[in-house]
Amino acid sequence: MQLTELVTQRITERTGRRVRNLVVEIEADSVVLRGHTNSFHVKQLAQQSVRETLPHFQLKNAIVVD
């Protein structure tokens, strides 16, 4: 399983699929999250999933809360 797939799966499991159009971009030592959700809490859950999976990577959480 590729790293992008692993992170996507962890986010999906943790958020209960509440991030629509989720895109995970991984480059060198950074991760960018994109998508849409209805809750700031879900955005934080997605962020926490990345931090637990890739603790030494920089993270940009560009998930939009509608």
Protein backbone atom coordinates (compact mmCIF):
# COMPACT_ATOMS: atom_id res chain seq x y z
CA MET A 1 0.00 0.00 0.00
CA GLN A 2 1.34 3.42 -0.94
CA LEU A 3 1.73 6.14 1.67
CA THR A 4 -0.99 8.28 0.07
CA GLU A 5 -3.43 5.37 0.17
CA LEU A 6 -2.58 4.63 3.81
CA VAL A 7 -3.17 8.23 4.92
CA THR A 8 -6.40 8.45 2.91
CA GLN A 9 -7.66 5.23 4.50
CA ARG A 10 -6.82 6.41 8.02
CA ILE A 11 -8.60 9.73 7.47
CA THR A 12 -11.64 8.01 5.96
CA GLU A 13 -11.89 5.58 8.88
CA ARG A 14 -11.47 8.27 11.52
CA THR A 15 -13.88 10.78 9.98
CA GLY A 16 -16.55 8.30 8.98
CA ARG A 17 -16.24 9.41 5.34
CA ARG A 18 -17.39 12.93 6.28
CA VAL A 19 -14.72 14.61 4.13
CA ARG A 20 -16.08 14.93 0.61
CA ASN A 21 -13.70 14.86 -2.36
CA LEU A 22 -10.73 14.08 -0.10
CA VAL A 23 -7.36 14.52 -1.78
CA VAL A 24 -4.09 13.70 0.00
CA GLU A 25 -0.90 15.03 -1.59
CA ILE A 26 2.44 13.84 -0.22
CA GLU A 27 5.76 15.33 -1.29
CA ALA A 28 9.14 14.69 0.37
CA ASP A 29 8.36 15.67 3.98
CA SER A 30 4.99 17.42 3.65
CA VAL A 31 1.31 16.51 3.37
CA VAL A 32 -1.51 18.63 1.93
CA LEU A 33 -5.15 17.76 2.64
CA ARG A 34 -7.93 19.02 0.37
CA GLY A 35 -11.67 18.42 0.42
CA HIS A 36 -14.90 19.66 1.98
CA THR A 37 -16.72 18.94 5.23
CA ASN A 38 -19.58 20.38 7.26
CA SER A 39 -17.70 20.49 10.56
CA PHE A 40 -14.50 22.00 11.90
CA HIS A 41 -14.30 18.97 14.21
CA VAL A 42 -14.10 16.62 11.21
CA LYS A 43 -11.34 18.82 9.74
CA GLN A 44 -9.42 18.40 13.01
CA LEU A 45 -9.97 14.63 13.00
CA ALA A 46 -8.47 14.43 9.51
CA GLN A 47 -5.50 16.50 10.65
CA GLN A 48 -4.96 14.30 13.71
CA SER A 49 -5.00 11.19 11.52
CA VAL A 50 -2.10 12.57 9.51
CA ARG A 51 -0.16 13.61 12.60
CA GLU A 52 -0.49 10.10 14.06
CA THR A 53 0.46 8.38 10.80
CA LEU A 54 3.26 10.73 9.69
CA PRO A 55 4.36 12.63 12.83
CA HIS A 56 7.50 14.17 11.29
CA PHE A 57 5.83 15.52 8.15
CA GLN A 58 4.72 19.14 7.76
CA LEU A 59 0.98 19.43 7.28
CA LYS A 60 -1.18 21.91 5.41
CA ASN A 61 -4.85 21.28 6.09
CA ALA A 62 -6.74 22.94 3.21
CA ILE A 63 -10.02 21.13 3.91
CA VAL A 64 -12.85 23.64 3.53
CA VAL A 65 -15.60 23.76 6.17
CA ASP A 66 -18.88 24.57 4.41
